[in-house]
PDB file of N, CA and C in Angstrom:
ATOM      1  N   MET A   1       0.782 -24.200 -22.572  1.00  0.00           N
ATOM      2  CA  MET A   1      -0.520 -24.450 -23.149  1.00  0.00           C
ATOM      3  C   MET A   1      -1.566 -23.652 -22.364  1.00  0.00           C
ATOM      4  N   VAL A   2      -2.386 -22.900 -23.050  1.00  0.00           N
ATOM      5  CA  VAL A   2      -3.452 -22.116 -22.429  1.00  0.00           C
ATOM      6  C   VAL A   2      -4.729 -22.939 -22.468  1.00  0.00           C
ATOM      7  N   LEU A   3      -5.333 -23.118 -21.322  1.00  0.00           N
ATOM      8  CA  LEU A   3      -6.597 -23.836 -21.229  1.00  0.00           C
ATOM      9  C   LEU A   3      -7.749 -22.873 -21.432  1.00  0.00           C
ATOM     10  N   LEU A   4      -8.846 -23.366 -21.967  1.00  0.00           N
ATOM     11  CA  LEU A   4     -10.018 -22.532 -22.217  1.00  0.00           C
ATOM     12  C   LEU A   4     -10.495 -21.848 -20.946  1.00  0.00           C
ATOM     13  N   GLU A   5     -10.439 -22.564 -19.818  1.00  0.00           N
ATOM     14  CA  GLU A   5     -10.910 -21.964 -18.572  1.00  0.00           C
ATOM     15  C   GLU A   5      -9.975 -20.885 -18.040  1.00  0.00           C
ATOM     16  N   ASP A   6      -8.729 -20.807 -18.545  1.00  0.00           N
ATOM     17  CA  ASP A   6      -7.782 -19.777 -18.111  1.00  0.00           C
ATOM     18  C   ASP A   6      -8.078 -18.418 -18.732  1.00  0.00           C
ATOM     19  N   ILE A   7      -8.753 -18.394 -19.867  1.00  0.00           N
ATOM     20  CA  ILE A   7      -8.998 -17.145 -20.586  1.00  0.00           C
ATOM     21  C   ILE A   7      -9.869 -16.181 -19.777  1.00  0.00           C
ATOM     22  N   PRO A   8     -11.032 -16.606 -19.233  1.00  0.00           N
ATOM     23  CA  PRO A   8     -11.816 -15.652 -18.436  1.00  0.00           C
ATOM     24  C   PRO A   8     -11.048 -15.164 -17.209  1.00  0.00           C
ATOM     25  N   MET A   9     -10.286 -16.050 -16.592  1.00  0.00           N
ATOM     26  CA  MET A   9      -9.540 -15.675 -15.397  1.00  0.00           C
ATOM     27  C   MET A   9      -8.460 -14.648 -15.733  1.00  0.00           C
ATOM     28  N   ALA A  10      -7.741 -14.862 -16.822  1.00  0.00           N
ATOM     29  CA  ALA A  10      -6.699 -13.917 -17.228  1.00  0.00           C
ATOM     30  C   ALA A  10      -7.315 -12.566 -17.592  1.00  0.00           C
ATOM     31  N   SER A  11      -8.438 -12.591 -18.299  1.00  0.00           N
ATOM     32  CA  SER A  11      -9.117 -11.341 -18.655  1.00  0.00           C
ATOM     33  C   SER A  11      -9.574 -10.592 -17.413  1.00  0.00           C
ATOM     34  N   PHE A  12     -10.077 -11.337 -16.437  1.00  0.00           N
ATOM     35  CA  PHE A  12     -10.528 -10.717 -15.189  1.00  0.00           C
ATOM     36  C   PHE A  12      -9.359 -10.071 -14.448  1.00  0.00           C
ATOM     37  N   ILE A  13      -8.279 -10.812 -14.289  1.00  0.00           N
ATOM     38  CA  ILE A  13      -7.145 -10.312 -13.507  1.00  0.00           C
ATOM     39  C   ILE A  13      -6.524  -9.084 -14.160  1.00  0.00           C
ATOM     40  N   MET A  14      -6.550  -9.008 -15.474  1.00  0.00           N
ATOM     41  CA  MET A  14      -5.964  -7.868 -16.170  1.00  0.00           C
ATOM     42  C   MET A  14      -6.915  -6.670 -16.282  1.00  0.00           C
ATOM     43  N   SER A  15      -8.175  -6.844 -15.907  1.00  0.00           N
ATOM     44  CA  SER A  15      -9.133  -5.739 -15.958  1.00  0.00           C
ATOM     45  C   SER A  15      -8.894  -4.795 -14.779  1.00  0.00           C
ATOM     46  N   SER A  16      -9.453  -3.604 -14.849  1.00  0.00           N
ATOM     47  CA  SER A  16      -9.296  -2.656 -13.744  1.00  0.00           C
ATOM     48  C   SER A  16      -9.943  -3.183 -12.470  1.00  0.00           C
ATOM     49  N   PHE A  17     -11.101  -3.851 -12.603  1.00  0.00           N
ATOM     50  CA  PHE A  17     -11.742  -4.425 -11.423  1.00  0.00           C
ATOM     51  C   PHE A  17     -10.911  -5.577 -10.872  1.00  0.00           C
ATOM     52  N   GLY A  18     -10.368  -6.395 -11.756  1.00  0.00           N
ATOM     53  CA  GLY A  18      -9.518  -7.498 -11.328  1.00  0.00           C
ATOM     54  C   GLY A  18      -8.284  -7.001 -10.582  1.00  0.00           C
ATOM     55  N   LEU A  19      -7.673  -5.951 -11.081  1.00  0.00           N
ATOM     56  CA  LEU A  19      -6.515  -5.369 -10.397  1.00  0.00           C
ATOM     57  C   LEU A  19      -6.910  -4.820  -9.030  1.00  0.00           C
ATOM     58  N   PHE A  20      -8.103  -4.222  -8.953  1.00  0.00           N
ATOM     59  CA  PHE A  20      -8.622  -3.721  -7.681  1.00  0.00           C
ATOM     60  C   PHE A  20      -8.785  -4.866  -6.683  1.00  0.00           C
ATOM     61  N   VAL A  21      -9.396  -5.966  -7.150  1.00  0.00           N
ATOM     62  CA  VAL A  21      -9.617  -7.130  -6.282  1.00  0.00           C
ATOM     63  C   VAL A  21      -8.285  -7.728  -5.848  1.00  0.00           C
ATOM     64  N   MET A  22      -7.360  -7.859  -6.778  1.00  0.00           N
ATOM     65  CA  MET A  22      -6.062  -8.447  -6.448  1.00  0.00           C
ATOM     66  C   MET A  22      -5.315  -7.581  -5.437  1.00  0.00           C
ATOM     67  N   ASP A  23      -5.484  -6.261  -5.534  1.00  0.00           N
ATOM     68  CA  ASP A  23      -4.873  -5.354  -4.557  1.00  0.00           C
ATOM     69  C   ASP A  23      -5.489  -5.568  -3.178  1.00  0.00           C
ATOM     70  N   LEU A  24      -6.795  -5.811  -3.125  1.00  0.00           N
ATOM     71  CA  LEU A  24      -7.461  -6.080  -1.846  1.00  0.00           C
ATOM     72  C   LEU A  24      -6.907  -7.338  -1.180  1.00  0.00           C
ATOM     73  N   LEU A  25      -6.555  -8.320  -1.996  1.00  0.00           N
ATOM     74  CA  LEU A  25      -6.104  -9.610  -1.483  1.00  0.00           C
ATOM     75  C   LEU A  25      -4.671  -9.603  -0.972  1.00  0.00           C
ATOM     76  N   HIS A  26      -3.885  -8.643  -1.435  1.00  0.00           N
ATOM     77  CA  HIS A  26      -2.458  -8.649  -1.141  1.00  0.00           C
ATOM     78  C   HIS A  26      -2.186  -8.826   0.354  1.00  0.00           C
ATOM     79  N   GLY A  27      -1.556  -9.937   0.696  1.00  0.00           N
ATOM     80  CA  GLY A  27      -1.191 -10.220   2.076  1.00  0.00           C
ATOM     81  C   GLY A  27      -2.318 -10.691   2.971  1.00  0.00           C
ATOM     82  N   LEU A  28      -3.519 -10.820   2.450  1.00  0.00           N
ATOM     83  CA  LEU A  28      -4.665 -11.203   3.268  1.00  0.00           C
ATOM     84  C   LEU A  28      -4.853 -12.714   3.324  1.00  0.00           C
ATOM     85  N   PHE A  29      -4.588 -13.391   2.225  1.00  0.00           N
ATOM     86  CA  PHE A  29      -4.791 -14.837   2.138  1.00  0.00           C
ATOM     87  C   PHE A  29      -3.497 -15.537   1.740  1.00  0.00           C
ATOM     88  N   THR A  30      -3.439 -16.832   2.023  1.00  0.00           N
ATOM     89  CA  THR A  30      -2.368 -17.662   1.489  1.00  0.00           C
ATOM     90  C   THR A  30      -2.586 -17.785  -0.016  1.00  0.00           C
ATOM     91  N   ALA A  31      -1.613 -18.296  -0.729  1.00  0.00           N
ATOM     92  CA  ALA A  31      -1.744 -18.435  -2.189  1.00  0.00           C
ATOM     93  C   ALA A  31      -2.959 -19.272  -2.594  1.00  0.00           C
ATOM     94  N   PRO A  32      -3.193 -20.447  -1.985  1.00  0.00           N
ATOM     95  CA  PRO A  32      -4.384 -21.214  -2.397  1.00  0.00           C
ATOM     96  C   PRO A  32      -5.696 -20.484  -2.101  1.00  0.00           C
ATOM     97  N   SER A  33      -5.787 -19.823  -0.969  1.00  0.00           N
ATOM     98  CA  SER A  33      -7.010 -19.091  -0.629  1.00  0.00           C
ATOM     99  C   SER A  33      -7.181 -17.873  -1.525  1.00  0.00           C
ATOM    100  N   GLY A  34      -6.085 -17.227  -1.866  1.00  0.00           N
ATOM    101  CA  GLY A  34      -6.144 -16.094  -2.788  1.00  0.00           C
ATOM    102  C   GLY A  34      -6.639 -16.517  -4.156  1.00  0.00           C
ATOM    103  N   GLN A  35      -6.193 -17.691  -4.610  1.00  0.00           N
ATOM    104  CA  GLN A  35      -6.658 -18.229  -5.887  1.00  0.00           C
ATOM    105  C   GLN A  35      -8.159 -18.508  -5.837  1.00  0.00           C
ATOM    106  N   THR A  36      -8.606 -19.096  -4.735  1.00  0.00           N
ATOM    107  CA  THR A  36     -10.032 -19.392  -4.578  1.00  0.00           C
ATOM    108  C   THR A  36     -10.853 -18.106  -4.593  1.00  0.00           C
ATOM    109  N   PHE A  37     -10.400 -17.085  -3.870  1.00  0.00           N
ATOM    110  CA  PHE A  37     -11.105 -15.811  -3.858  1.00  0.00           C
ATOM    111  C   PHE A  37     -11.141 -15.216  -5.266  1.00  0.00           C
ATOM    112  N   SER A  38     -10.038 -15.315  -5.988  1.00  0.00           N
ATOM    113  CA  SER A  38      -9.984 -14.793  -7.358  1.00  0.00           C
ATOM    114  C   SER A  38     -10.981 -15.505  -8.257  1.00  0.00           C
ATOM    115  N   TRP A  39     -11.076 -16.821  -8.137  1.00  0.00           N
ATOM    116  CA  TRP A  39     -12.050 -17.568  -8.926  1.00  0.00           C
ATOM    117  C   TRP A  39     -13.471 -17.105  -8.627  1.00  0.00           C
ATOM    118  N   LEU A  40     -13.767 -16.939  -7.346  1.00  0.00           N
ATOM    119  CA  LEU A  40     -15.114 -16.506  -6.962  1.00  0.00           C
ATOM    120  C   LEU A  40     -15.416 -15.096  -7.471  1.00  0.00           C
ATOM    121  N   ALA A  41     -14.460 -14.189  -7.348  1.00  0.00           N
ATOM    122  CA  ALA A  41     -14.660 -12.812  -7.817  1.00  0.00           C
ATOM    123  C   ALA A  41     -14.833 -12.784  -9.334  1.00  0.00           C
ATOM    124  N   CYS A  42     -14.020 -13.539 -10.040  1.00  0.00           N
ATOM    125  CA  CYS A  42     -14.123 -13.606 -11.499  1.00  0.00           C
ATOM    126  C   CYS A  42     -15.477 -14.188 -11.905  1.00  0.00           C
ATOM    127  N   GLY A  43     -15.909 -15.239 -11.241  1.00  0.00           N
ATOM    128  CA  GLY A  43     -17.209 -15.843 -11.531  1.00  0.00           C
ATOM    129  C   GLY A  43     -18.349 -14.878 -11.274  1.00  0.00           C
ATOM    130  N   TRP A  44     -18.217 -14.067 -10.233  1.00  0.00           N
ATOM    131  CA  TRP A  44     -19.238 -13.066  -9.936  1.00  0.00           C
ATOM    132  C   TRP A  44     -19.356 -12.079 -11.096  1.00  0.00           C
ATOM    133  N   VAL A  45     -18.216 -11.686 -11.643  1.00  0.00           N
ATOM    134  CA  VAL A  45     -18.218 -10.756 -12.773  1.00  0.00           C
ATOM    135  C   VAL A  45     -18.831 -11.406 -14.015  1.00  0.00           C
ATOM    136  N   LEU A  46     -18.519 -12.668 -14.244  1.00  0.00           N
ATOM    137  CA  LEU A  46     -18.994 -13.362 -15.446  1.00  0.00           C
ATOM    138  C   LEU A  46     -20.462 -13.773 -15.388  1.00  0.00           C
ATOM    139  N   ALA A  47     -20.992 -13.971 -14.191  1.00  0.00           N
ATOM    140  CA  ALA A  47     -22.364 -14.469 -14.044  1.00  0.00           C
ATOM    141  C   ALA A  47     -23.362 -13.431 -14.550  1.00  0.00           C
ATOM    142  N   SER A  48     -24.361 -13.929 -15.282  1.00  0.00           N
ATOM    143  CA  SER A  48     -25.382 -13.006 -15.778  1.00  0.00           C
ATOM    144  C   SER A  48     -26.764 -13.339 -15.234  1.00  0.00           C
ATOM    145  N   ASP A  49     -27.052 -14.609 -15.043  1.00  0.00           N
ATOM    146  CA  ASP A  49     -28.376 -14.985 -14.562  1.00  0.00           C
ATOM    147  C   ASP A  49     -28.348 -15.371 -13.089  1.00  0.00           C
ATOM    148  N   ARG A  50     -27.806 -16.520 -12.814  1.00  0.00           N
ATOM    149  CA  ARG A  50     -27.796 -17.045 -11.442  1.00  0.00           C
ATOM    150  C   ARG A  50     -26.504 -16.660 -10.750  1.00  0.00           C
ATOM    151  N   HIS A  51     -26.632 -16.012  -9.631  1.00  0.00           N
ATOM    152  CA  HIS A  51     -25.459 -15.644  -8.829  1.00  0.00           C
ATOM    153  C   HIS A  51     -25.373 -16.581  -7.636  1.00  0.00           C
ATOM    154  N   THR A  52     -24.704 -17.709  -7.872  1.00  0.00           N
ATOM    155  CA  THR A  52     -24.465 -18.681  -6.818  1.00  0.00           C
ATOM    156  C   THR A  52     -22.984 -19.035  -6.816  1.00  0.00           C
ATOM    157  N   ILE A  53     -22.508 -19.554  -5.705  1.00  0.00           N
ATOM    158  CA  ILE A  53     -21.114 -19.961  -5.606  1.00  0.00           C
ATOM    159  C   ILE A  53     -20.805 -21.001  -6.678  1.00  0.00           C
ATOM    160  N   THR A  54     -21.687 -21.960  -6.857  1.00  0.00           N
ATOM    161  CA  THR A  54     -21.472 -23.014  -7.847  1.00  0.00           C
ATOM    162  C   THR A  54     -21.367 -22.421  -9.252  1.00  0.00           C
ATOM    163  N   THR A  55     -22.222 -21.472  -9.596  1.00  0.00           N
ATOM    164  CA  THR A  55     -22.160 -20.821 -10.906  1.00  0.00           C
ATOM    165  C   THR A  55     -20.821 -20.128 -11.085  1.00  0.00           C
ATOM    166  N   TYR A  56     -20.381 -19.404 -10.075  1.00  0.00           N
ATOM    167  CA  TYR A  56     -19.096 -18.701 -10.166  1.00  0.00           C
ATOM    168  C   TYR A  56     -17.960 -19.674 -10.447  1.00  0.00           C
ATOM    169  N   LEU A  57     -17.958 -20.794  -9.760  1.00  0.00           N
ATOM    170  CA  LEU A  57     -16.883 -21.770  -9.923  1.00  0.00           C
ATOM    171  C   LEU A  57     -16.946 -22.451 -11.285  1.00  0.00           C
ATOM    172  N   TRP A  58     -18.132 -22.764 -11.778  1.00  0.00           N
ATOM    173  CA  TRP A  58     -18.262 -23.384 -13.094  1.00  0.00           C
ATOM    174  C   TRP A  58     -17.841 -22.427 -14.202  1.00  0.00           C
ATOM    175  N   LEU A  59     -18.228 -21.158 -14.086  1.00  0.00           N
ATOM    176  CA  LEU A  59     -17.895 -20.183 -15.122  1.00  0.00           C
ATOM    177  C   LEU A  59     -16.394 -19.949 -15.255  1.00  0.00           C
ATOM    178  N   THR A  60     -15.666 -20.065 -14.168  1.00  0.00           N
ATOM    179  CA  THR A  60     -14.222 -19.818 -14.206  1.00  0.00           C
ATOM    180  C   THR A  60     -13.417 -21.077 -14.488  1.00  0.00           C
ATOM    181  N   GLY A  61     -14.067 -22.215 -14.491  1.00  0.00           N
ATOM    182  CA  GLY A  61     -13.352 -23.464 -14.703  1.00  0.00           C
ATOM    183  C   GLY A  61     -12.697 -23.997 -13.444  1.00  0.00           C
ATOM    184  N   ALA A  62     -12.990 -23.396 -12.310  1.00  0.00           N
ATOM    185  CA  ALA A  62     -12.376 -23.822 -11.052  1.00  0.00           C
ATOM    186  C   ALA A  62     -12.749 -25.251 -10.687  1.00  0.00           C
ATOM    187  N   THR A  63     -13.897 -25.705 -11.166  1.00  0.00           N
ATOM    188  CA  THR A  63     -14.326 -27.073 -10.845  1.00  0.00           C
ATOM    189  C   THR A  63     -13.512 -28.115 -11.601  1.00  0.00           C
ATOM    190  N   THR A  64     -12.677 -27.691 -12.548  1.00  0.00           N
ATOM    191  CA  THR A  64     -11.767 -28.636 -13.195  1.00  0.00           C
ATOM    192  C   THR A  64     -10.542 -28.885 -12.331  1.00  0.00           C
ATOM    193  N   VAL A  65     -10.339 -28.017 -11.341  1.00  0.00           N
ATOM    194  CA  VAL A  65      -9.190 -28.143 -10.446  1.00  0.00           C
ATOM    195  C   VAL A  65      -9.537 -28.989  -9.225  1.00  0.00           C
ATOM    196  N   LYS A  66     -10.699 -28.725  -8.648  1.00  0.00           N
ATOM    197  CA  LYS A  66     -11.158 -29.516  -7.504  1.00  0.00           C
ATOM    198  C   LYS A  66     -12.682 -29.475  -7.445  1.00  0.00           C
ATOM    199  N   HIS A  67     -13.250 -30.398  -6.700  1.00  0.00           N
ATOM    200  CA  HIS A  67     -14.704 -30.499  -6.585  1.00  0.00           C
ATOM    201  C   HIS A  67     -15.260 -29.231  -5.931  1.00  0.00           C
ATOM    202  N   PHE A  68     -16.410 -28.787  -6.451  1.00  0.00           N
ATOM    203  CA  PHE A  68     -16.969 -27.526  -5.961  1.00  0.00           C
ATOM    204  C   PHE A  68     -17.227 -27.524  -4.455  1.00  0.00           C
ATOM    205  N   SER A  69     -17.521 -28.660  -3.871  1.00  0.00           N
ATOM    206  CA  SER A  69     -17.800 -28.700  -2.429  1.00  0.00           C
ATOM    207  C   SER A  69     -16.571 -28.324  -1.601  1.00  0.00           C
ATOM    208  N   ARG A  70     -15.379 -28.512  -2.140  1.00  0.00           N
ATOM    209  CA  ARG A  70     -14.152 -28.161  -1.410  1.00  0.00           C
ATOM    210  C   ARG A  70     -13.989 -26.649  -1.272  1.00  0.00           C
ATOM    211  N   PHE A  71     -14.636 -25.884  -2.127  1.00  0.00           N
ATOM    212  CA  PHE A  71     -14.525 -24.424  -2.053  1.00  0.00           C
ATOM    213  C   PHE A  71     -15.282 -23.863  -0.852  1.00  0.00           C
ATOM    214  N   TYR A  72     -16.233 -24.622  -0.348  1.00  0.00           N
ATOM    215  CA  TYR A  72     -16.976 -24.165   0.818  1.00  0.00           C
ATOM    216  C   TYR A  72     -16.107 -24.155   2.076  1.00  0.00           C
ATOM    217  N   VAL A  73     -15.038 -24.931   2.069  1.00  0.00           N
ATOM    218  CA  VAL A  73     -14.069 -24.896   3.176  1.00  0.00           C
ATOM    219  C   VAL A  73     -13.450 -23.502   3.245  1.00  0.00           C
ATOM    220  N   PHE A  74     -13.137 -22.933   2.091  1.00  0.00           N
ATOM    221  CA  PHE A  74     -12.600 -21.567   2.039  1.00  0.00           C
ATOM    222  C   PHE A  74     -13.616 -20.566   2.582  1.00  0.00           C
ATOM    223  N   LEU A  75     -14.875 -20.710   2.177  1.00  0.00           N
ATOM    224  CA  LEU A  75     -15.911 -19.765   2.609  1.00  0.00           C
ATOM    225  C   LEU A  75     -16.113 -19.795   4.120  1.00  0.00           C
ATOM    226  N   GLY A  76     -16.064 -20.970   4.706  1.00  0.00           N
ATOM    227  CA  GLY A  76     -16.266 -21.094   6.149  1.00  0.00           C
ATOM    228  C   GLY A  76     -14.994 -20.947   6.954  1.00  0.00           C
ATOM    229  N   GLY A  77     -13.850 -20.950   6.282  1.00  0.00           N
ATOM    230  CA  GLY A  77     -12.569 -20.860   6.982  1.00  0.00           C
ATOM    231  C   GLY A  77     -11.862 -19.547   6.711  1.00  0.00           C
ATOM    232  N   ALA A  78     -11.014 -19.544   5.669  1.00  0.00           N
ATOM    233  CA  ALA A  78     -10.162 -18.388   5.388  1.00  0.00           C
ATOM    234  C   ALA A  78     -10.960 -17.105   5.134  1.00  0.00           C
ATOM    235  N   LEU A  79     -11.999 -17.184   4.317  1.00  0.00           N
ATOM    236  CA  LEU A  79     -12.788 -15.977   4.040  1.00  0.00           C
ATOM    237  C   LEU A  79     -13.521 -15.501   5.285  1.00  0.00           C
ATOM    238  N   TYR A  80     -14.080 -16.430   6.029  1.00  0.00           N
ATOM    239  CA  TYR A  80     -14.792 -16.058   7.252  1.00  0.00           C
ATOM    240  C   TYR A  80     -13.846 -15.377   8.243  1.00  0.00           C
ATOM    241  N   GLN A  81     -12.628 -15.893   8.362  1.00  0.00           N
ATOM    242  CA  GLN A  81     -11.653 -15.327   9.295  1.00  0.00           C
ATOM    243  C   GLN A  81     -11.182 -13.936   8.856  1.00  0.00           C
ATOM    244  N   ALA A  82     -11.112 -13.711   7.548  1.00  0.00           N
ATOM    245  CA  ALA A  82     -10.568 -12.447   7.032  1.00  0.00           C
ATOM    246  C   ALA A  82     -11.637 -11.440   6.626  1.00  0.00           C
ATOM    247  N   ARG A  83     -12.906 -11.748   6.865  1.00  0.00           N
ATOM    248  CA  ARG A  83     -13.978 -10.902   6.341  1.00  0.00           C
ATOM    249  C   ARG A  83     -13.915  -9.463   6.836  1.00  0.00           C
ATOM    250  N   TRP A  84     -13.581  -9.230   8.107  1.00  0.00           N
ATOM    251  CA  TRP A  84     -13.550  -7.860   8.629  1.00  0.00           C
ATOM    252  C   TRP A  84     -12.364  -7.090   8.070  1.00  0.00           C
ATOM    253  N   GLN A  85     -11.231  -7.760   7.900  1.00  0.00           N
ATOM    254  CA  GLN A  85     -10.077  -7.106   7.280  1.00  0.00           C
ATOM    255  C   GLN A  85     -10.384  -6.745   5.830  1.00  0.00           C
ATOM    256  N   LEU A  86     -11.062  -7.637   5.138  1.00  0.00           N
ATOM    257  CA  LEU A  86     -11.421  -7.385   3.749  1.00  0.00           C
ATOM    258  C   LEU A  86     -12.386  -6.204   3.648  1.00  0.00           C
ATOM    259  N   TRP A  87     -13.399  -6.160   4.498  1.00  0.00           N
ATOM    260  CA  TRP A  87     -14.337  -5.030   4.493  1.00  0.00           C
ATOM    261  C   TRP A  87     -13.623  -3.722   4.838  1.00  0.00           C
ATOM    262  N   ALA A  88     -12.705  -3.762   5.781  1.00  0.00           N
ATOM    263  CA  ALA A  88     -11.957  -2.549   6.144  1.00  0.00           C
ATOM    264  C   ALA A  88     -11.168  -2.029   4.944  1.00  0.00           C
ATOM    265  N   ARG A  89     -10.559  -2.927   4.202  1.00  0.00           N
ATOM    266  CA  ARG A  89      -9.812  -2.519   3.004  1.00  0.00           C
ATOM    267  C   ARG A  89     -10.743  -1.921   1.952  1.00  0.00           C
ATOM    268  N   ILE A  90     -11.903  -2.530   1.764  1.00  0.00           N
ATOM    269  CA  ILE A  90     -12.867  -2.021   0.786  1.00  0.00           C
ATOM    270  C   ILE A  90     -13.335  -0.622   1.188  1.00  0.00           C
ATOM    271  N   ILE A  91     -13.641  -0.429   2.459  1.00  0.00           N
ATOM    272  CA  ILE A  91     -14.118   0.875   2.937  1.00  0.00           C
ATOM    273  C   ILE A  91     -13.031   1.938   2.798  1.00  0.00           C
ATOM    274  N   ARG A  92     -11.793   1.588   3.150  1.00  0.00           N
ATOM    275  CA  ARG A  92     -10.696   2.556   3.008  1.00  0.00           C
ATOM    276  C   ARG A  92     -10.488   2.955   1.552  1.00  0.00           C
ATOM    277  N   LEU A  93     -10.549   1.994   0.651  1.00  0.00           N
ATOM    278  CA  LEU A  93     -10.378   2.314  -0.769  1.00  0.00           C
ATOM    279  C   LEU A  93     -11.554   3.136  -1.291  1.00  0.00           C
ATOM    280  N   ALA A  94     -12.768   2.775  -0.890  1.00  0.00           N
ATOM    281  CA  ALA A  94     -13.953   3.519  -1.345  1.00  0.00           C
ATOM    282  C   ALA A  94     -13.953   4.943  -0.796  1.00  0.00           C
ATOM    283  N   ALA A  95     -13.431   5.143   0.395  1.00  0.00           N
ATOM    284  CA  ALA A  95     -13.403   6.478   1.004  1.00  0.00           C
ATOM    285  C   ALA A  95     -12.574   7.455   0.168  1.00  0.00           C
ATOM    286  N   GLN A  96     -11.621   6.941  -0.570  1.00  0.00           N
ATOM    287  CA  GLN A  96     -10.790   7.811  -1.416  1.00  0.00           C
ATOM    288  C   GLN A  96     -11.601   8.457  -2.537  1.00  0.00           C
ATOM    289  N   TRP A  97     -12.726   7.836  -2.913  1.00  0.00           N
ATOM    290  CA  TRP A  97     -13.536   8.340  -4.015  1.00  0.00           C
ATOM    291  C   TRP A  97     -14.614   9.315  -3.541  1.00  0.00           C
ATOM    292  N   VAL A  98     -14.761   9.507  -2.238  1.00  0.00           N
ATOM    293  CA  VAL A  98     -15.746  10.435  -1.708  1.00  0.00           C
ATOM    294  C   VAL A  98     -15.129  11.839  -1.735  1.00  0.00           C
ATOM    295  N   PRO A  99     -15.803  12.795  -2.336  1.00  0.00           N
ATOM    296  CA  PRO A  99     -15.262  14.154  -2.386  1.00  0.00           C
ATOM    297  C   PRO A  99     -15.004  14.689  -0.962  1.00  0.00           C
ATOM    298  N   PRO A 100     -13.892  15.400  -0.753  1.00  0.00           N
ATOM    299  CA  PRO A 100     -13.526  15.873   0.585  1.00  0.00           C
ATOM    300  C   PRO A 100     -14.612  16.712   1.264  1.00  0.00           C
ATOM    301  N   LYS A 101     -15.363  17.496   0.528  1.00  0.00           N
ATOM    302  CA  LYS A 101     -16.392  18.355   1.117  1.00  0.00           C
ATOM    303  C   LYS A 101     -17.555  17.569   1.683  1.00  0.00           C
ATOM    304  N   THR A 102     -17.737  16.334   1.233  1.00  0.00           N
ATOM    305  CA  THR A 102     -18.873  15.543   1.710  1.00  0.00           C
ATOM    306  C   THR A 102     -18.496  14.570   2.815  1.00  0.00           C
ATOM    307  N   ARG A 103     -17.242  14.511   3.154  1.00  0.00           N
ATOM    308  CA  ARG A 103     -16.800  13.603   4.218  1.00  0.00           C
ATOM    309  C   ARG A 103     -17.167  14.175   5.578  1.00  0.00           C
ATOM    310  N   LEU A 104     -17.477  13.274   6.510  1.00  0.00           N
ATOM    311  CA  LEU A 104     -17.802  13.709   7.865  1.00  0.00           C
ATOM    312  C   LEU A 104     -16.574  13.896   8.699  1.00  0.00           C
TER     313      LEU A 104
END
């Protein structure tokens, strides 16, 4: 059975940006933390007016799984611990798009 809240998440994960995000996550988080990060990233993509953590979670249906306040544990724990590794991965991937003649 497909739930209504699964549709935006599936569309996000199958998009080119979703695949990019999922590649960034590979091996960085445990499965539950990876799911939380995916919900937040998908919500960021879906948000049009208010860009808040709560909006991201409501838009993806993540609040049907657990109370929104529990997601802040991820923000202060797993994401906080992995933030430098995540930024390093983003910078390495972005560096591939810089033309060789303009690199320092």
